[in-house]
């Protein structure tokens, strides 16, 4: 159960699942429009995008905007993993550097101590 895990690990798992759903859902639309795949690709694509939105509501944050901002760093990393594993293009050093900076920013946004 997610609630019993350490918040950093559960948040990471939620963000990873959300990133997969968003990227796969968006890729379904990309495949339909850019790769001439069947419009049937839109059904799982839409379902994955709905799952993505639902998953982000599980992030332990008092503000939606903060949860979404922190997710941006995870999305960048996940997009580069997709680029490599699904599209067969190895991210270059600039991709990796930018992703590292984005993840550092995401961690600061999400896990910084805040006054109550």
N, C-alpha and C. Protein backbone atom coordinates (compact mmCIF):
# COMPACT_ATOMS: atom_id res chain seq x y z
N UNK A 1 0.84 -1.18 0.00
CA UNK A 1 0.00 0.00 0.00
C UNK A 1 0.89 1.24 0.00
N UNK A 2 0.53 2.23 -0.76
CA UNK A 2 1.34 3.43 -0.94
C UNK A 2 1.50 4.18 0.38
N UNK A 3 0.46 4.27 1.18
CA UNK A 3 0.52 5.06 2.40
C UNK A 3 1.53 4.53 3.40
N UNK A 4 1.86 3.24 3.34
CA UNK A 4 2.77 2.66 4.32
C UNK A 4 4.24 2.85 3.92
N UNK A 5 4.52 3.25 2.71
CA UNK A 5 5.89 3.45 2.26
C UNK A 5 6.40 4.82 2.70
N UNK A 6 7.71 4.96 2.70
CA UNK A 6 8.31 6.26 2.98
C UNK A 6 7.83 7.24 1.93
N UNK A 7 7.49 8.48 2.32
CA UNK A 7 6.93 9.45 1.35
C UNK A 7 7.77 9.67 0.10
N UNK A 8 9.10 9.69 0.23
CA UNK A 8 9.94 9.92 -0.94
C UNK A 8 9.79 8.77 -1.93
N UNK A 9 9.77 7.52 -1.43
CA UNK A 9 9.63 6.38 -2.33
C UNK A 9 8.24 6.32 -2.94
N UNK A 10 7.22 6.57 -2.14
CA UNK A 10 5.87 6.51 -2.70
C UNK A 10 5.65 7.63 -3.70
N UNK A 11 6.18 8.81 -3.41
CA UNK A 11 6.05 9.92 -4.35
C UNK A 11 6.78 9.60 -5.65
N UNK A 12 7.96 9.02 -5.54
CA UNK A 12 8.71 8.63 -6.73
C UNK A 12 7.95 7.61 -7.56
N UNK A 13 7.34 6.64 -6.90
CA UNK A 13 6.57 5.61 -7.61
C UNK A 13 5.35 6.22 -8.30
N UNK A 14 4.68 7.13 -7.62
CA UNK A 14 3.52 7.79 -8.22
C UNK A 14 3.94 8.60 -9.44
N UNK A 15 5.01 9.38 -9.29
CA UNK A 15 5.49 10.17 -10.41
C UNK A 15 5.95 9.29 -11.57
N UNK A 16 6.61 8.19 -11.28
CA UNK A 16 7.05 7.29 -12.36
C UNK A 16 5.86 6.71 -13.10
N UNK A 17 4.85 6.27 -12.37
CA UNK A 17 3.65 5.72 -13.01
C UNK A 17 2.93 6.80 -13.81
N UNK A 18 2.85 8.00 -13.25
CA UNK A 18 2.19 9.10 -13.96
C UNK A 18 2.94 9.43 -15.24
N UNK A 19 4.27 9.45 -15.16
CA UNK A 19 5.07 9.77 -16.35
C UNK A 19 4.86 8.72 -17.43
N UNK A 20 4.86 7.44 -17.05
CA UNK A 20 4.62 6.41 -18.05
C UNK A 20 3.26 6.61 -18.71
N UNK A 21 2.23 6.84 -17.89
CA UNK A 21 0.88 7.01 -18.46
C UNK A 21 0.80 8.22 -19.37
N UNK A 22 1.41 9.33 -18.95
CA UNK A 22 1.34 10.52 -19.79
C UNK A 22 2.10 10.35 -21.10
N UNK A 23 3.30 9.82 -21.02
CA UNK A 23 4.11 9.67 -22.23
C UNK A 23 3.48 8.65 -23.17
N UNK A 24 3.05 7.52 -22.64
CA UNK A 24 2.41 6.50 -23.49
C UNK A 24 1.10 7.02 -24.07
N UNK A 25 0.33 7.76 -23.27
CA UNK A 25 -0.92 8.32 -23.77
C UNK A 25 -0.68 9.35 -24.87
N UNK A 26 0.28 10.21 -24.66
CA UNK A 26 0.61 11.21 -25.69
C UNK A 26 1.20 10.54 -26.93
N UNK A 27 2.00 9.50 -26.72
CA UNK A 27 2.59 8.79 -27.86
C UNK A 27 1.50 8.14 -28.72
N UNK A 28 0.41 7.68 -28.10
CA UNK A 28 -0.70 7.10 -28.87
C UNK A 28 -1.26 8.14 -29.85
N UNK A 29 -1.40 9.38 -29.39
CA UNK A 29 -1.87 10.44 -30.27
C UNK A 29 -0.83 10.76 -31.34
N UNK A 30 0.44 10.78 -30.94
CA UNK A 30 1.55 11.01 -31.88
C UNK A 30 1.52 9.93 -32.97
N UNK A 31 1.36 8.68 -32.55
CA UNK A 31 1.35 7.56 -33.51
C UNK A 31 0.20 7.71 -34.49
N UNK A 32 -0.96 8.12 -34.00
CA UNK A 32 -2.12 8.29 -34.87
C UNK A 32 -1.89 9.42 -35.87
N UNK A 33 -1.41 10.57 -35.38
CA UNK A 33 -1.29 11.74 -36.24
C UNK A 33 -0.01 11.77 -37.07
N UNK A 34 1.09 11.27 -36.53
CA UNK A 34 2.38 11.41 -37.21
C UNK A 34 2.87 10.12 -37.85
N UNK A 35 2.43 8.98 -37.33
CA UNK A 35 2.92 7.70 -37.84
C UNK A 35 1.84 6.93 -38.60
N UNK A 36 0.71 7.59 -38.85
CA UNK A 36 -0.41 7.00 -39.61
C UNK A 36 -0.93 5.69 -39.01
N UNK A 37 -0.94 5.61 -37.68
CA UNK A 37 -1.54 4.46 -37.01
C UNK A 37 -3.04 4.62 -36.98
N UNK A 38 -3.73 3.55 -36.67
CA UNK A 38 -5.19 3.54 -36.61
C UNK A 38 -5.69 4.49 -35.52
N UNK A 39 -6.89 5.03 -35.75
CA UNK A 39 -7.53 5.88 -34.73
C UNK A 39 -7.85 5.08 -33.47
N UNK A 40 -7.81 3.76 -33.56
CA UNK A 40 -8.02 2.93 -32.36
C UNK A 40 -6.94 3.17 -31.31
N UNK A 41 -5.80 3.69 -31.72
CA UNK A 41 -4.75 4.04 -30.77
C UNK A 41 -5.23 5.11 -29.79
N UNK A 42 -6.24 5.88 -30.16
CA UNK A 42 -6.71 6.97 -29.31
C UNK A 42 -7.42 6.47 -28.06
N UNK A 43 -8.03 5.31 -28.12
CA UNK A 43 -8.76 4.80 -26.94
C UNK A 43 -7.81 4.49 -25.77
N UNK A 44 -6.79 3.67 -25.96
CA UNK A 44 -5.87 3.48 -24.83
C UNK A 44 -5.11 4.76 -24.50
N UNK A 45 -4.85 5.59 -25.51
CA UNK A 45 -4.17 6.85 -25.26
C UNK A 45 -4.96 7.74 -24.31
N UNK A 46 -6.26 7.87 -24.57
CA UNK A 46 -7.11 8.69 -23.70
C UNK A 46 -7.20 8.08 -22.30
N UNK A 47 -7.32 6.77 -22.21
CA UNK A 47 -7.39 6.11 -20.90
C UNK A 47 -6.10 6.33 -20.11
N UNK A 48 -4.97 6.27 -20.78
CA UNK A 48 -3.70 6.50 -20.11
C UNK A 48 -3.58 7.95 -19.62
N UNK A 49 -4.09 8.89 -20.39
CA UNK A 49 -4.04 10.29 -19.96
C UNK A 49 -4.95 10.55 -18.77
N UNK A 50 -6.08 9.87 -18.71
CA UNK A 50 -6.96 9.97 -17.53
C UNK A 50 -6.25 9.37 -16.32
N UNK A 51 -5.60 8.23 -16.49
CA UNK A 51 -4.85 7.61 -15.39
C UNK A 51 -3.74 8.54 -14.91
N UNK A 52 -3.05 9.17 -15.83
CA UNK A 52 -2.00 10.14 -15.48
C UNK A 52 -2.55 11.23 -14.57
N UNK A 53 -3.66 11.83 -14.95
CA UNK A 53 -4.25 12.91 -14.15
C UNK A 53 -4.65 12.40 -12.76
N UNK A 54 -5.22 11.22 -12.71
CA UNK A 54 -5.61 10.65 -11.42
C UNK A 54 -4.41 10.37 -10.54
N UNK A 55 -3.35 9.85 -11.12
CA UNK A 55 -2.15 9.54 -10.34
C UNK A 55 -1.57 10.79 -9.68
N UNK A 56 -1.57 11.90 -10.39
CA UNK A 56 -0.99 13.12 -9.82
C UNK A 56 -1.75 13.59 -8.58
N UNK A 57 -3.03 13.22 -8.46
CA UNK A 57 -3.78 13.62 -7.26
C UNK A 57 -3.32 12.84 -6.03
N UNK A 58 -2.56 11.78 -6.21
CA UNK A 58 -2.07 10.97 -5.08
C UNK A 58 -0.78 11.50 -4.48
N UNK A 59 -0.14 12.47 -5.12
CA UNK A 59 1.11 13.02 -4.62
C UNK A 59 0.84 13.78 -3.32
N UNK A 60 1.63 13.48 -2.28
CA UNK A 60 1.42 14.16 -1.00
C UNK A 60 1.92 15.61 -1.03
N UNK A 61 1.08 16.49 -1.50
CA UNK A 61 1.41 17.92 -1.57
C UNK A 61 0.15 18.70 -1.22
N UNK A 62 0.32 19.79 -0.50
CA UNK A 62 -0.83 20.61 -0.13
C UNK A 62 -1.31 21.49 -1.27
N UNK A 63 -0.54 21.58 -2.35
CA UNK A 63 -0.90 22.45 -3.46
C UNK A 63 -0.71 21.71 -4.79
N UNK A 64 -1.74 21.73 -5.60
CA UNK A 64 -1.68 21.05 -6.89
C UNK A 64 -0.55 21.61 -7.76
N UNK A 65 -0.43 22.93 -7.79
CA UNK A 65 0.59 23.55 -8.63
C UNK A 65 2.00 23.10 -8.26
N UNK A 66 2.25 22.93 -6.97
CA UNK A 66 3.57 22.48 -6.54
C UNK A 66 3.80 21.03 -6.97
N UNK A 67 2.80 20.20 -6.83
CA UNK A 67 2.92 18.80 -7.26
C UNK A 67 3.18 18.73 -8.76
N UNK A 68 2.50 19.55 -9.53
CA UNK A 68 2.67 19.55 -10.99
C UNK A 68 4.04 20.10 -11.38
N UNK A 69 4.49 21.13 -10.69
CA UNK A 69 5.80 21.71 -10.99
C UNK A 69 6.90 20.70 -10.73
N UNK A 70 6.82 20.01 -9.60
CA UNK A 70 7.83 19.01 -9.28
C UNK A 70 7.78 17.85 -10.27
N UNK A 71 6.60 17.50 -10.72
CA UNK A 71 6.44 16.42 -11.70
C UNK A 71 7.19 16.73 -13.00
N UNK A 72 7.33 17.99 -13.33
CA UNK A 72 8.00 18.38 -14.57
C UNK A 72 9.39 17.77 -14.70
N UNK A 73 10.14 17.75 -13.62
CA UNK A 73 11.48 17.16 -13.65
C UNK A 73 11.45 15.67 -13.92
N UNK A 74 10.49 15.00 -13.31
CA UNK A 74 10.34 13.55 -13.52
C UNK A 74 9.94 13.29 -14.97
N UNK A 75 9.04 14.11 -15.49
CA UNK A 75 8.58 13.95 -16.86
C UNK A 75 9.75 14.07 -17.85
N UNK A 76 10.64 15.01 -17.60
CA UNK A 76 11.79 15.19 -18.49
C UNK A 76 12.65 13.93 -18.51
N UNK A 77 12.96 13.39 -17.34
CA UNK A 77 13.75 12.16 -17.27
C UNK A 77 13.02 11.01 -17.96
N UNK A 78 11.75 10.85 -17.67
CA UNK A 78 10.98 9.75 -18.26
C UNK A 78 10.90 9.88 -19.78
N UNK A 79 10.81 11.10 -20.27
CA UNK A 79 10.77 11.32 -21.72
C UNK A 79 12.07 10.88 -22.38
N UNK A 80 13.18 11.12 -21.70
CA UNK A 80 14.47 10.70 -22.25
C UNK A 80 14.63 9.19 -22.19
N UNK A 81 14.09 8.56 -21.16
CA UNK A 81 14.10 7.09 -21.10
C UNK A 81 13.25 6.54 -22.24
N UNK A 82 12.10 7.14 -22.50
CA UNK A 82 11.24 6.74 -23.62
C UNK A 82 11.98 6.90 -24.94
N UNK A 83 12.65 8.03 -25.11
CA UNK A 83 13.44 8.30 -26.31
C UNK A 83 14.42 7.17 -26.56
N UNK A 84 15.08 6.73 -25.50
CA UNK A 84 16.11 5.70 -25.61
C UNK A 84 15.50 4.31 -25.81
N UNK A 85 14.56 3.91 -24.94
CA UNK A 85 14.06 2.54 -24.96
C UNK A 85 13.01 2.27 -26.05
N UNK A 86 12.17 3.23 -26.32
CA UNK A 86 11.07 3.02 -27.28
C UNK A 86 11.44 3.53 -28.67
N UNK A 87 12.07 4.68 -28.74
CA UNK A 87 12.39 5.27 -30.04
C UNK A 87 13.79 4.94 -30.52
N UNK A 88 14.58 4.30 -29.67
CA UNK A 88 15.90 3.83 -30.08
C UNK A 88 16.94 4.91 -30.28
N UNK A 89 16.76 6.08 -29.66
CA UNK A 89 17.74 7.16 -29.78
C UNK A 89 18.37 7.41 -28.42
N UNK A 90 19.66 7.28 -28.35
CA UNK A 90 20.38 7.48 -27.09
C UNK A 90 20.41 8.96 -26.72
N UNK A 91 19.97 9.30 -25.49
CA UNK A 91 20.10 10.70 -25.05
C UNK A 91 21.57 11.10 -25.02
N UNK A 92 21.85 12.36 -25.38
CA UNK A 92 23.23 12.82 -25.36
C UNK A 92 23.54 13.47 -24.01
N UNK A 93 24.76 13.96 -23.86
CA UNK A 93 25.19 14.52 -22.58
C UNK A 93 24.37 15.73 -22.19
N UNK A 94 23.88 16.48 -23.15
CA UNK A 94 23.07 17.66 -22.85
C UNK A 94 21.69 17.25 -22.34
N UNK A 95 21.15 16.18 -22.92
CA UNK A 95 19.88 15.64 -22.42
C UNK A 95 20.03 15.21 -20.96
N UNK A 96 21.10 14.48 -20.69
CA UNK A 96 21.34 13.96 -19.34
C UNK A 96 21.59 15.10 -18.36
N UNK A 97 22.37 16.07 -18.76
CA UNK A 97 22.66 17.22 -17.89
C UNK A 97 21.39 18.01 -17.59
N UNK A 98 20.63 18.29 -18.61
CA UNK A 98 19.38 19.02 -18.41
C UNK A 98 18.40 18.26 -17.54
N UNK A 99 18.33 16.96 -17.72
CA UNK A 99 17.44 16.14 -16.90
C UNK A 99 17.88 16.15 -15.43
N UNK A 100 19.18 16.09 -15.21
CA UNK A 100 19.68 16.14 -13.83
C UNK A 100 19.33 17.45 -13.15
N UNK A 101 19.49 18.55 -13.88
CA UNK A 101 19.13 19.86 -13.33
C UNK A 101 17.63 19.94 -13.04
N UNK A 102 16.82 19.41 -13.95
CA UNK A 102 15.37 19.44 -13.76
C UNK A 102 14.96 18.60 -12.55
N UNK A 103 15.59 17.44 -12.37
CA UNK A 103 15.28 16.60 -11.20
C UNK A 103 15.70 17.27 -9.91
N UNK A 104 16.84 17.94 -9.92
CA UNK A 104 17.26 18.68 -8.72
C UNK A 104 16.24 19.76 -8.39
N UNK A 105 15.78 20.47 -9.39
CA UNK A 105 14.76 21.49 -9.18
C UNK A 105 13.46 20.90 -8.66
N UNK A 106 13.07 19.76 -9.22
CA UNK A 106 11.85 19.09 -8.77
C UNK A 106 11.95 18.69 -7.30
N UNK A 107 13.10 18.15 -6.90
CA UNK A 107 13.30 17.74 -5.51
C UNK A 107 13.22 18.94 -4.57
N UNK A 108 13.81 20.05 -4.97
CA UNK A 108 13.76 21.26 -4.14
C UNK A 108 12.31 21.72 -3.98
N UNK A 109 11.57 21.75 -5.07
CA UNK A 109 10.18 22.19 -5.03
C UNK A 109 9.34 21.30 -4.12
N UNK A 110 9.48 20.01 -4.27
CA UNK A 110 8.59 19.09 -3.56
C UNK A 110 8.99 18.85 -2.12
N UNK A 111 10.29 18.73 -1.84
CA UNK A 111 10.72 18.28 -0.52
C UNK A 111 11.33 19.37 0.37
N UNK A 112 11.36 20.62 -0.07
CA UNK A 112 11.90 21.70 0.75
C UNK A 112 11.06 21.89 2.01
N UNK A 113 11.72 22.16 3.13
CA UNK A 113 10.94 22.42 4.35
C UNK A 113 10.17 23.74 4.20
N UNK A 114 8.94 23.70 4.58
CA UNK A 114 8.09 24.89 4.46
C UNK A 114 7.50 25.22 5.82
N UNK A 115 7.31 26.51 6.04
CA UNK A 115 6.67 26.94 7.29
C UNK A 115 5.21 26.51 7.28
N UNK A 116 4.74 26.12 8.42
CA UNK A 116 3.34 25.64 8.52
C UNK A 116 2.37 26.78 8.57
